[in-house]
């Protein structure tokens, strides 16, 4: 892991590459300026969603950044409570997202949640069809538990390249993480810095490496092979969250964070719904 840099990528099961660190676009009061700042300091993965209601700002930032489109990895998602599940809804939703981003394709599109049991497989098939049509490059899911991923497998569809879930030392989702690893599904970790929460073990490592707690948590996620998606609207924090490549946590350090498991989400985490 000592070879990790801000330019490091991870290869999906479909062969596409994704930056190993992402930037979350949720709850950004001035999303365009914030994402422009993130791109300026080196982020190349922007994690958006229809539910965040700022896809236009995400796309505008990408277009105005001056960075070639192919160097930026853009993600969106469709949620059951937004446009809704179902083949037609998701097909139209992908087109709506492309129009809002102002892009000809999105690098990754996710089913945001598994909350509609009757229609979520239809939704997934719609994303596979959008991928075949060239509208999206890769297909993934978010907030899926093992039973939801198994449902996709049993239907005979290719498994998603990504499962985006809340994941940090207080909520390690070990069963889901083990399944994803065994099935070559990359985990994207949202809330990787636990919304500013801390613990003496985290603080001790921050002191040891002269880093802040958020940097320790991001580094833990990277060394686990996850893709952390930190977010901030503060330029200094946007930058500091990238300063995680000049140190490496030891196996003992990792163990001290692994022991913090509390099964304690700080977000919605609907991984256990039917």
C-alpha atoms as a PDB file:
ATOM      1  CA  UNK A   1       0.000   0.000   0.000  1.00  0.00           C
ATOM      2  CA  UNK A   2       2.999   2.325   0.268  1.00  0.00           C
ATOM      3  CA  UNK A   3       2.730   2.902  -3.483  1.00  0.00           C
ATOM      4  CA  UNK A   4      -0.667   4.601  -3.184  1.00  0.00           C
ATOM      5  CA  UNK A   5      -0.918   8.138  -4.604  1.00  0.00           C
ATOM      6  CA  UNK A   6      -3.718  10.552  -5.380  1.00  0.00           C
ATOM      7  CA  UNK A   7      -3.494   9.262  -8.950  1.00  0.00           C
ATOM      8  CA  UNK A   8      -3.946   5.602  -7.959  1.00  0.00           C
ATOM      9  CA  UNK A   9      -6.796   3.698  -9.580  1.00  0.00           C
ATOM     10  CA  UNK A  10      -8.686   0.466  -8.955  1.00  0.00           C
ATOM     11  CA  UNK A  11      -9.834  -1.800 -11.779  1.00  0.00           C
ATOM     12  CA  UNK A  12     -13.453  -2.933 -11.817  1.00  0.00           C
ATOM     13  CA  UNK A  13     -14.539  -6.435 -12.799  1.00  0.00           C
ATOM     14  CA  UNK A  14     -15.610  -5.004 -16.180  1.00  0.00           C
ATOM     15  CA  UNK A  15     -12.086  -3.711 -16.825  1.00  0.00           C
ATOM     16  CA  UNK A  16     -12.826  -0.022 -16.277  1.00  0.00           C
ATOM     17  CA  UNK A  17     -10.589   1.969 -13.950  1.00  0.00           C
ATOM     18  CA  UNK A  18     -11.773   4.253 -11.142  1.00  0.00           C
ATOM     19  CA  UNK A  19      -9.743   6.662  -8.979  1.00  0.00           C
ATOM     20  CA  UNK A  20      -9.044   5.122  -5.580  1.00  0.00           C
ATOM     21  CA  UNK A  21     -10.269   8.275  -3.792  1.00  0.00           C
ATOM     22  CA  UNK A  22     -13.551  10.015  -4.558  1.00  0.00           C
ATOM     23  CA  UNK A  23     -15.244  13.274  -3.639  1.00  0.00           C
ATOM     24  CA  UNK A  24     -18.810  13.244  -2.328  1.00  0.00           C
ATOM     25  CA  UNK A  25     -21.291  15.768  -3.718  1.00  0.00           C
ATOM     26  CA  UNK A  26     -23.985  15.276  -1.049  1.00  0.00           C
ATOM     27  CA  UNK A  27     -25.198  18.367   0.846  1.00  0.00           C
ATOM     28  CA  UNK A  28     -22.951  20.846  -0.958  1.00  0.00           C
ATOM     29  CA  UNK A  29     -24.496  24.338  -0.639  1.00  0.00           C
ATOM     30  CA  UNK A  30     -22.448  25.609  -3.596  1.00  0.00           C
ATOM     31  CA  UNK A  31     -21.737  22.380  -5.408  1.00  0.00           C
ATOM     32  CA  UNK A  32     -20.172  23.860  -8.538  1.00  0.00           C
ATOM     33  CA  UNK A  33     -17.568  25.902  -6.664  1.00  0.00           C
ATOM     34  CA  UNK A  34     -16.865  23.076  -4.234  1.00  0.00           C
ATOM     35  CA  UNK A  35     -16.360  20.497  -6.979  1.00  0.00           C
ATOM     36  CA  UNK A  36     -14.189  22.897  -8.952  1.00  0.00           C
ATOM     37  CA  UNK A  37     -12.047  23.222  -5.835  1.00  0.00           C
ATOM     38  CA  UNK A  38     -11.891  19.435  -5.450  1.00  0.00           C
ATOM     39  CA  UNK A  39     -10.831  19.005  -9.064  1.00  0.00           C
ATOM     40  CA  UNK A  40      -8.232  21.750  -8.663  1.00  0.00           C
ATOM     41  CA  UNK A  41      -6.509  19.940  -5.785  1.00  0.00           C
ATOM     42  CA  UNK A  42      -6.465  16.611  -7.584  1.00  0.00           C
ATOM     43  CA  UNK A  43      -9.677  14.644  -7.066  1.00  0.00           C
ATOM     44  CA  UNK A  44     -10.775  12.924 -10.269  1.00  0.00           C
ATOM     45  CA  UNK A  45     -13.859  11.057  -9.052  1.00  0.00           C
ATOM     46  CA  UNK A  46     -17.108  12.931  -8.352  1.00  0.00           C
ATOM     47  CA  UNK A  47     -19.862  10.990  -6.576  1.00  0.00           C
ATOM     48  CA  UNK A  48     -23.257  12.493  -7.361  1.00  0.00           C
ATOM     49  CA  UNK A  49     -26.878  11.339  -7.305  1.00  0.00           C
ATOM     50  CA  UNK A  50     -30.300  12.427  -8.457  1.00  0.00           C
ATOM     51  CA  UNK A  51     -31.343  12.633  -4.810  1.00  0.00           C
ATOM     52  CA  UNK A  52     -28.635  15.234  -4.121  1.00  0.00           C
ATOM     53  CA  UNK A  53     -30.405  17.617  -6.548  1.00  0.00           C
ATOM     54  CA  UNK A  54     -27.173  19.160  -7.831  1.00  0.00           C
ATOM     55  CA  UNK A  55     -26.364  17.162 -10.959  1.00  0.00           C
ATOM     56  CA  UNK A  56     -26.381  20.341 -13.051  1.00  0.00           C
ATOM     57  CA  UNK A  57     -23.753  21.886 -10.787  1.00  0.00           C
ATOM     58  CA  UNK A  58     -21.626  18.718 -10.898  1.00  0.00           C
ATOM     59  CA  UNK A  59     -21.658  18.720 -14.688  1.00  0.00           C
ATOM     60  CA  UNK A  60     -20.965  22.435 -14.914  1.00  0.00           C
ATOM     61  CA  UNK A  61     -17.916  22.040 -12.686  1.00  0.00           C
ATOM     62  CA  UNK A  62     -16.561  19.242 -14.869  1.00  0.00           C
ATOM     63  CA  UNK A  63     -17.065  21.259 -18.046  1.00  0.00           C
ATOM     64  CA  UNK A  64     -15.559  24.438 -16.578  1.00  0.00           C
ATOM     65  CA  UNK A  65     -12.587  22.710 -14.931  1.00  0.00           C
ATOM     66  CA  UNK A  66     -10.534  22.590 -18.106  1.00  0.00           C
ATOM     67  CA  UNK A  67      -9.722  18.945 -17.352  1.00  0.00           C
ATOM     68  CA  UNK A  68     -10.370  16.526 -20.221  1.00  0.00           C
ATOM     69  CA  UNK A  69     -13.654  14.687 -19.710  1.00  0.00           C
ATOM     70  CA  UNK A  70     -12.007  11.269 -19.950  1.00  0.00           C
ATOM     71  CA  UNK A  71      -9.819  12.096 -16.937  1.00  0.00           C
ATOM     72  CA  UNK A  72     -12.817  12.647 -14.628  1.00  0.00           C
ATOM     73  CA  UNK A  73     -14.897   9.783 -13.256  1.00  0.00           C
ATOM     74  CA  UNK A  74     -18.545  10.873 -12.834  1.00  0.00           C
ATOM     75  CA  UNK A  75     -21.119   8.864 -10.876  1.00  0.00           C
ATOM     76  CA  UNK A  76     -24.852   9.282 -10.390  1.00  0.00           C
ATOM     77  CA  UNK A  77     -27.576   7.198  -8.742  1.00  0.00           C
ATOM     78  CA  UNK A  78     -31.333   6.685  -8.923  1.00  0.00           C
ATOM     79  CA  UNK A  79     -33.305   6.134  -5.712  1.00  0.00           C
ATOM     80  CA  UNK A  80     -36.624   4.426  -4.974  1.00  0.00           C
ATOM     81  CA  UNK A  81     -37.896   7.558  -3.261  1.00  0.00           C
ATOM     82  CA  UNK A  82     -36.828   9.967  -6.005  1.00  0.00           C
ATOM     83  CA  UNK A  83     -37.902   8.983  -9.509  1.00  0.00           C
ATOM     84  CA  UNK A  84     -38.590   5.431  -8.392  1.00  0.00           C
ATOM     85  CA  UNK A  85     -37.642   1.889  -9.362  1.00  0.00           C
ATOM     86  CA  UNK A  86     -38.784   0.026 -12.471  1.00  0.00           C
ATOM     87  CA  UNK A  87     -37.362  -0.372 -15.971  1.00  0.00           C
ATOM     88  CA  UNK A  88     -39.104   2.621 -17.555  1.00  0.00           C
ATOM     89  CA  UNK A  89     -38.446   4.936 -14.614  1.00  0.00           C
ATOM     90  CA  UNK A  90     -34.755   4.084 -14.504  1.00  0.00           C
ATOM     91  CA  UNK A  91     -34.342   4.316 -18.281  1.00  0.00           C
ATOM     92  CA  UNK A  92     -35.878   7.786 -18.243  1.00  0.00           C
ATOM     93  CA  UNK A  93     -33.897   8.638 -15.129  1.00  0.00           C
ATOM     94  CA  UNK A  94     -30.580   7.878 -16.807  1.00  0.00           C
ATOM     95  CA  UNK A  95     -31.516  10.163 -19.700  1.00  0.00           C
ATOM     96  CA  UNK A  96     -32.529  12.898 -17.258  1.00  0.00           C
ATOM     97  CA  UNK A  97     -29.239  12.619 -15.416  1.00  0.00           C
ATOM     98  CA  UNK A  98     -27.224  12.822 -18.625  1.00  0.00           C
ATOM     99  CA  UNK A  99     -29.122  15.959 -19.588  1.00  0.00           C
ATOM    100  CA  UNK A 100     -28.570  17.545 -16.175  1.00  0.00           C
ATOM    101  CA  UNK A 101     -24.862  16.707 -16.075  1.00  0.00           C
ATOM    102  CA  UNK A 102     -24.591  17.903 -19.681  1.00  0.00           C
ATOM    103  CA  UNK A 103     -22.471  14.868 -20.535  1.00  0.00           C
ATOM    104  CA  UNK A 104     -22.675  12.245 -23.256  1.00  0.00           C
ATOM    105  CA  UNK A 105     -22.027   9.433 -20.782  1.00  0.00           C
ATOM    106  CA  UNK A 106     -21.620   8.764 -17.063  1.00  0.00           C
ATOM    107  CA  UNK A 107     -18.803   6.543 -15.852  1.00  0.00           C
ATOM    108  CA  UNK A 108     -20.875   4.784 -13.198  1.00  0.00           C
ATOM    109  CA  UNK A 109     -24.571   4.649 -12.414  1.00  0.00           C
ATOM    110  CA  UNK A 110     -25.927   3.073  -9.235  1.00  0.00           C
ATOM    111  CA  UNK A 111     -29.241   1.820  -7.965  1.00  0.00           C
ATOM    112  CA  UNK A 112     -29.246   4.018  -4.851  1.00  0.00           C
ATOM    113  CA  UNK A 113     -31.137   1.600  -2.591  1.00  0.00           C
ATOM    114  CA  UNK A 114     -32.866  -1.821  -2.553  1.00  0.00           C
ATOM    115  CA  UNK A 115     -36.078  -0.512  -1.015  1.00  0.00           C
ATOM    116  CA  UNK A 116     -38.528  -1.712  -3.699  1.00  0.00           C
ATOM    117  CA  UNK A 117     -38.353  -5.501  -3.708  1.00  0.00           C
ATOM    118  CA  UNK A 118     -40.879  -5.882  -6.525  1.00  0.00           C
ATOM    119  CA  UNK A 119     -39.049  -3.626  -8.970  1.00  0.00           C
ATOM    120  CA  UNK A 120     -35.362  -3.449  -8.068  1.00  0.00           C
ATOM    121  CA  UNK A 121     -34.345  -6.204 -10.505  1.00  0.00           C
ATOM    122  CA  UNK A 122     -36.155  -4.317 -13.279  1.00  0.00           C
ATOM    123  CA  UNK A 123     -34.176  -1.253 -12.277  1.00  0.00           C
ATOM    124  CA  UNK A 124     -30.912  -3.164 -12.455  1.00  0.00           C
ATOM    125  CA  UNK A 125     -31.777  -4.550 -15.896  1.00  0.00           C
ATOM    126  CA  UNK A 126     -32.497  -1.001 -17.062  1.00  0.00           C
ATOM    127  CA  UNK A 127     -28.978   0.023 -16.059  1.00  0.00           C
ATOM    128  CA  UNK A 128     -27.510  -2.944 -17.937  1.00  0.00           C
ATOM    129  CA  UNK A 129     -29.496  -1.837 -20.997  1.00  0.00           C
ATOM    130  CA  UNK A 130     -28.244   1.752 -20.581  1.00  0.00           C
ATOM    131  CA  UNK A 131     -24.714   0.394 -20.404  1.00  0.00           C
ATOM    132  CA  UNK A 132     -25.248  -1.581 -23.623  1.00  0.00           C
ATOM    133  CA  UNK A 133     -26.522   1.615 -25.233  1.00  0.00           C
ATOM    134  CA  UNK A 134     -23.317   3.468 -24.269  1.00  0.00           C
ATOM    135  CA  UNK A 135     -25.043   5.897 -21.905  1.00  0.00           C
ATOM    136  CA  UNK A 136     -23.140   4.629 -18.856  1.00  0.00           C
ATOM    137  CA  UNK A 137     -19.809   2.828 -18.635  1.00  0.00           C
ATOM    138  CA  UNK A 138     -20.321   0.702 -15.510  1.00  0.00           C
ATOM    139  CA  UNK A 139     -23.260  -0.536 -13.426  1.00  0.00           C
ATOM    140  CA  UNK A 140     -23.348  -0.629  -9.647  1.00  0.00           C
ATOM    141  CA  UNK A 141     -25.571  -0.567  -6.581  1.00  0.00           C
ATOM    142  CA  UNK A 142     -25.664   1.215  -3.253  1.00  0.00           C
ATOM    143  CA  UNK A 143     -26.830   0.116   0.198  1.00  0.00           C
ATOM    144  CA  UNK A 144     -27.179  -3.506  -0.956  1.00  0.00           C
ATOM    145  CA  UNK A 145     -26.857  -6.324   1.538  1.00  0.00           C
ATOM    146  CA  UNK A 146     -25.745  -9.855   0.673  1.00  0.00           C
ATOM    147  CA  UNK A 147     -29.299 -11.047  -0.038  1.00  0.00           C
ATOM    148  CA  UNK A 148     -29.808  -8.219  -2.543  1.00  0.00           C
ATOM    149  CA  UNK A 149     -26.558  -9.049  -4.326  1.00  0.00           C
ATOM    150  CA  UNK A 150     -27.476 -12.744  -4.332  1.00  0.00           C
ATOM    151  CA  UNK A 151     -30.809 -11.819  -5.923  1.00  0.00           C
ATOM    152  CA  UNK A 152     -28.937 -10.273  -8.844  1.00  0.00           C
ATOM    153  CA  UNK A 153     -26.714 -13.334  -9.194  1.00  0.00           C
ATOM    154  CA  UNK A 154     -29.670 -15.757  -9.084  1.00  0.00           C
ATOM    155  CA  UNK A 155     -31.425 -13.727 -11.794  1.00  0.00           C
ATOM    156  CA  UNK A 156     -28.490 -14.475 -14.078  1.00  0.00           C
ATOM    157  CA  UNK A 157     -27.333 -10.870 -14.406  1.00  0.00           C
ATOM    158  CA  UNK A 158     -23.688  -9.837 -14.101  1.00  0.00           C
ATOM    159  CA  UNK A 159     -22.899  -8.681 -10.606  1.00  0.00           C
ATOM    160  CA  UNK A 160     -22.391  -4.953 -10.039  1.00  0.00           C
ATOM    161  CA  UNK A 161     -18.858  -3.597 -10.203  1.00  0.00           C
ATOM    162  CA  UNK A 162     -19.503  -1.512  -7.078  1.00  0.00           C
ATOM    163  CA  UNK A 163     -21.541  -1.617  -3.900  1.00  0.00           C
ATOM    164  CA  UNK A 164     -21.520   1.796  -2.231  1.00  0.00           C
ATOM    165  CA  UNK A 165     -22.264   1.461   1.487  1.00  0.00           C
ATOM    166  CA  UNK A 166     -21.686   3.322   4.715  1.00  0.00           C
ATOM    167  CA  UNK A 167     -18.392   1.945   5.992  1.00  0.00           C
ATOM    168  CA  UNK A 168     -15.924   3.112   8.648  1.00  0.00           C
ATOM    169  CA  UNK A 169     -14.421   1.638  11.840  1.00  0.00           C
ATOM    170  CA  UNK A 170     -17.697   2.073  13.773  1.00  0.00           C
ATOM    171  CA  UNK A 171     -19.681   0.254  11.022  1.00  0.00           C
ATOM    172  CA  UNK A 172     -17.513  -2.230   9.151  1.00  0.00           C
ATOM    173  CA  UNK A 173     -20.253  -4.221   7.369  1.00  0.00           C
ATOM    174  CA  UNK A 174     -18.041  -7.302   7.572  1.00  0.00           C
ATOM    175  CA  UNK A 175     -20.474  -9.791   6.026  1.00  0.00           C
ATOM    176  CA  UNK A 176     -21.115  -7.518   3.051  1.00  0.00           C
ATOM    177  CA  UNK A 177     -17.423  -6.679   2.722  1.00  0.00           C
ATOM    178  CA  UNK A 178     -16.461 -10.361   2.684  1.00  0.00           C
ATOM    179  CA  UNK A 179     -19.093 -11.161   0.056  1.00  0.00           C
ATOM    180  CA  UNK A 180     -17.997  -8.272  -2.134  1.00  0.00           C
ATOM    181  CA  UNK A 181     -14.350  -9.283  -1.895  1.00  0.00           C
ATOM    182  CA  UNK A 182     -15.175 -12.885  -2.787  1.00  0.00           C
ATOM    183  CA  UNK A 183     -17.229 -11.752  -5.791  1.00  0.00           C
ATOM    184  CA  UNK A 184     -14.903  -9.022  -7.103  1.00  0.00           C
ATOM    185  CA  UNK A 185     -17.268  -6.178  -6.190  1.00  0.00           C
ATOM    186  CA  UNK A 186     -15.469  -2.984  -5.182  1.00  0.00           C
ATOM    187  CA  UNK A 187     -16.764  -1.216  -2.084  1.00  0.00           C
ATOM    188  CA  UNK A 188     -17.175   2.536  -2.157  1.00  0.00           C
ATOM    189  CA  UNK A 189     -17.302   3.782   1.433  1.00  0.00           C
ATOM    190  CA  UNK A 190     -19.579   6.701   2.217  1.00  0.00           C
ATOM    191  CA  UNK A 191     -19.344   8.532   5.548  1.00  0.00           C
ATOM    192  CA  UNK A 192     -15.708   7.342   5.717  1.00  0.00           C
ATOM    193  CA  UNK A 193     -14.783  10.004   8.276  1.00  0.00           C
ATOM    194  CA  UNK A 194     -17.858   9.253  10.454  1.00  0.00           C
ATOM    195  CA  UNK A 195     -19.131  12.826  10.077  1.00  0.00           C
ATOM    196  CA  UNK A 196     -16.396  14.112  12.366  1.00  0.00           C
ATOM    197  CA  UNK A 197     -16.819  11.562  15.155  1.00  0.00           C
ATOM    198  CA  UNK A 198     -13.677  10.250  16.815  1.00  0.00           C
ATOM    199  CA  UNK A 199     -12.344   7.817  19.421  1.00  0.00           C
ATOM    200  CA  UNK A 200      -9.183   7.630  21.559  1.00  0.00           C
ATOM    201  CA  UNK A 201      -7.743   4.979  19.226  1.00  0.00           C
ATOM    202  CA  UNK A 202      -8.218   7.283  16.233  1.00  0.00           C
ATOM    203  CA  UNK A 203      -6.828  10.258  18.147  1.00  0.00           C
ATOM    204  CA  UNK A 204      -3.763   8.257  19.188  1.00  0.00           C
ATOM    205  CA  UNK A 205      -2.964   7.441  15.571  1.00  0.00           C
ATOM    206  CA  UNK A 206      -3.530  11.047  14.565  1.00  0.00           C
ATOM    207  CA  UNK A 207      -0.945  12.077  17.165  1.00  0.00           C
ATOM    208  CA  UNK A 208       1.446   9.293  16.116  1.00  0.00           C
ATOM    209  CA  UNK A 209       1.485  10.380  12.471  1.00  0.00           C
ATOM    210  CA  UNK A 210       0.882  14.107  13.009  1.00  0.00           C
ATOM    211  CA  UNK A 211      -2.333  13.848  11.030  1.00  0.00           C
ATOM    212  CA  UNK A 212      -5.928  14.726  11.779  1.00  0.00           C
ATOM    213  CA  UNK A 213      -8.533  12.030  12.535  1.00  0.00           C
ATOM    214  CA  UNK A 214     -10.150  12.344   9.103  1.00  0.00           C
ATOM    215  CA  UNK A 215      -6.838  11.600   7.409  1.00  0.00           C
ATOM    216  CA  UNK A 216      -6.351   8.505   9.576  1.00  0.00           C
ATOM    217  CA  UNK A 217      -9.828   7.248   8.678  1.00  0.00           C
ATOM    218  CA  UNK A 218      -9.380   7.866   4.961  1.00  0.00           C
ATOM    219  CA  UNK A 219      -6.048   6.060   5.038  1.00  0.00           C
ATOM    220  CA  UNK A 220      -7.650   3.088   6.867  1.00  0.00           C
ATOM    221  CA  UNK A 221     -10.280   2.867   4.128  1.00  0.00           C
ATOM    222  CA  UNK A 222      -7.689   3.061   1.345  1.00  0.00           C
ATOM    223  CA  UNK A 223      -5.527   0.364   2.921  1.00  0.00           C
ATOM    224  CA  UNK A 224      -8.583  -1.881   3.244  1.00  0.00           C
ATOM    225  CA  UNK A 225      -9.008  -1.636  -0.531  1.00  0.00           C
ATOM    226  CA  UNK A 226     -12.172   0.457  -0.295  1.00  0.00           C
ATOM    227  CA  UNK A 227     -12.823   3.680  -2.214  1.00  0.00           C
ATOM    228  CA  UNK A 228     -13.531   6.357   0.417  1.00  0.00           C
ATOM    229  CA  UNK A 229     -15.843   9.210  -0.581  1.00  0.00           C
ATOM    230  CA  UNK A 230     -15.130  12.051   1.857  1.00  0.00           C
ATOM    231  CA  UNK A 231     -17.013  15.300   1.403  1.00  0.00           C
ATOM    232  CA  UNK A 232     -16.431  18.836   2.603  1.00  0.00           C
ATOM    233  CA  UNK A 233     -17.383  22.343   1.555  1.00  0.00           C
ATOM    234  CA  UNK A 234     -14.292  23.874   3.203  1.00  0.00           C
ATOM    235  CA  UNK A 235     -11.325  24.360   0.836  1.00  0.00           C
ATOM    236  CA  UNK A 236      -8.746  23.576   3.520  1.00  0.00           C
ATOM    237  CA  UNK A 237     -10.523  20.313   4.386  1.00  0.00           C
ATOM    238  CA  UNK A 238     -10.996  19.394   0.740  1.00  0.00           C
ATOM    239  CA  UNK A 239      -7.229  19.658   0.388  1.00  0.00           C
ATOM    240  CA  UNK A 240      -6.269  18.000   3.679  1.00  0.00           C
ATOM    241  CA  UNK A 241      -8.412  14.970   2.860  1.00  0.00           C
ATOM    242  CA  UNK A 242      -6.023  14.289  -0.039  1.00  0.00           C
ATOM    243  CA  UNK A 243      -2.936  14.436   2.170  1.00  0.00           C
ATOM    244  CA  UNK A 244      -3.032  10.760   3.053  1.00  0.00           C
ATOM    245  CA  UNK A 245      -0.215   9.392   0.910  1.00  0.00           C
ATOM    246  CA  UNK A 246       2.886  10.296   2.937  1.00  0.00           C
ATOM    247  CA  UNK A 247       2.322   7.718   5.677  1.00  0.00           C
ATOM    248  CA  UNK A 248       1.159   4.118   5.987  1.00  0.00           C
ATOM    249  CA  UNK A 249      -0.759   2.525   8.842  1.00  0.00           C
ATOM    250  CA  UNK A 250       0.889  -0.570  10.276  1.00  0.00           C
ATOM    251  CA  UNK A 251      -0.922  -3.858  10.800  1.00  0.00           C
ATOM    252  CA  UNK A 252      -1.108  -2.956  14.515  1.00  0.00           C
ATOM    253  CA  UNK A 253      -2.630   0.430  13.653  1.00  0.00           C
ATOM    254  CA  UNK A 254      -5.215  -1.221  11.416  1.00  0.00           C
ATOM    255  CA  UNK A 255      -6.078  -3.687  14.185  1.00  0.00           C
ATOM    256  CA  UNK A 256      -6.607  -0.835  16.660  1.00  0.00           C
ATOM    257  CA  UNK A 257      -9.193   0.650  14.287  1.00  0.00           C
ATOM    258  CA  UNK A 258     -10.759  -2.694  13.407  1.00  0.00           C
ATOM    259  CA  UNK A 259     -11.582  -3.257  17.080  1.00  0.00           C
ATOM    260  CA  UNK A 260     -13.869  -0.193  17.077  1.00  0.00           C
ATOM    261  CA  UNK A 261     -16.751  -2.045  15.392  1.00  0.00           C
ATOM    262  CA  UNK A 262     -20.045  -0.964  16.977  1.00  0.00           C
ATOM    263  CA  UNK A 263     -22.521  -1.692  14.158  1.00  0.00           C
ATOM    264  CA  UNK A 264     -23.282   2.010  14.475  1.00  0.00           C
ATOM    265  CA  UNK A 265     -24.403   3.838  11.322  1.00  0.00           C
ATOM    266  CA  UNK A 266     -24.448   7.615  11.078  1.00  0.00           C
ATOM    267  CA  UNK A 267     -26.592   7.614   7.925  1.00  0.00           C
ATOM    268  CA  UNK A 268     -29.616   5.669   6.587  1.00  0.00           C
ATOM    269  CA  UNK A 269     -27.860   2.304   5.873  1.00  0.00           C
ATOM    270  CA  UNK A 270     -30.837   0.280   4.502  1.00  0.00           C
ATOM    271  CA  UNK A 271     -28.759  -2.852   3.862  1.00  0.00           C
ATOM    272  CA  UNK A 272     -31.072  -5.176   5.811  1.00  0.00           C
ATOM    273  CA  UNK A 273     -34.429  -4.373   4.184  1.00  0.00           C
ATOM    274  CA  UNK A 274     -36.331  -7.172   2.498  1.00  0.00           C
END
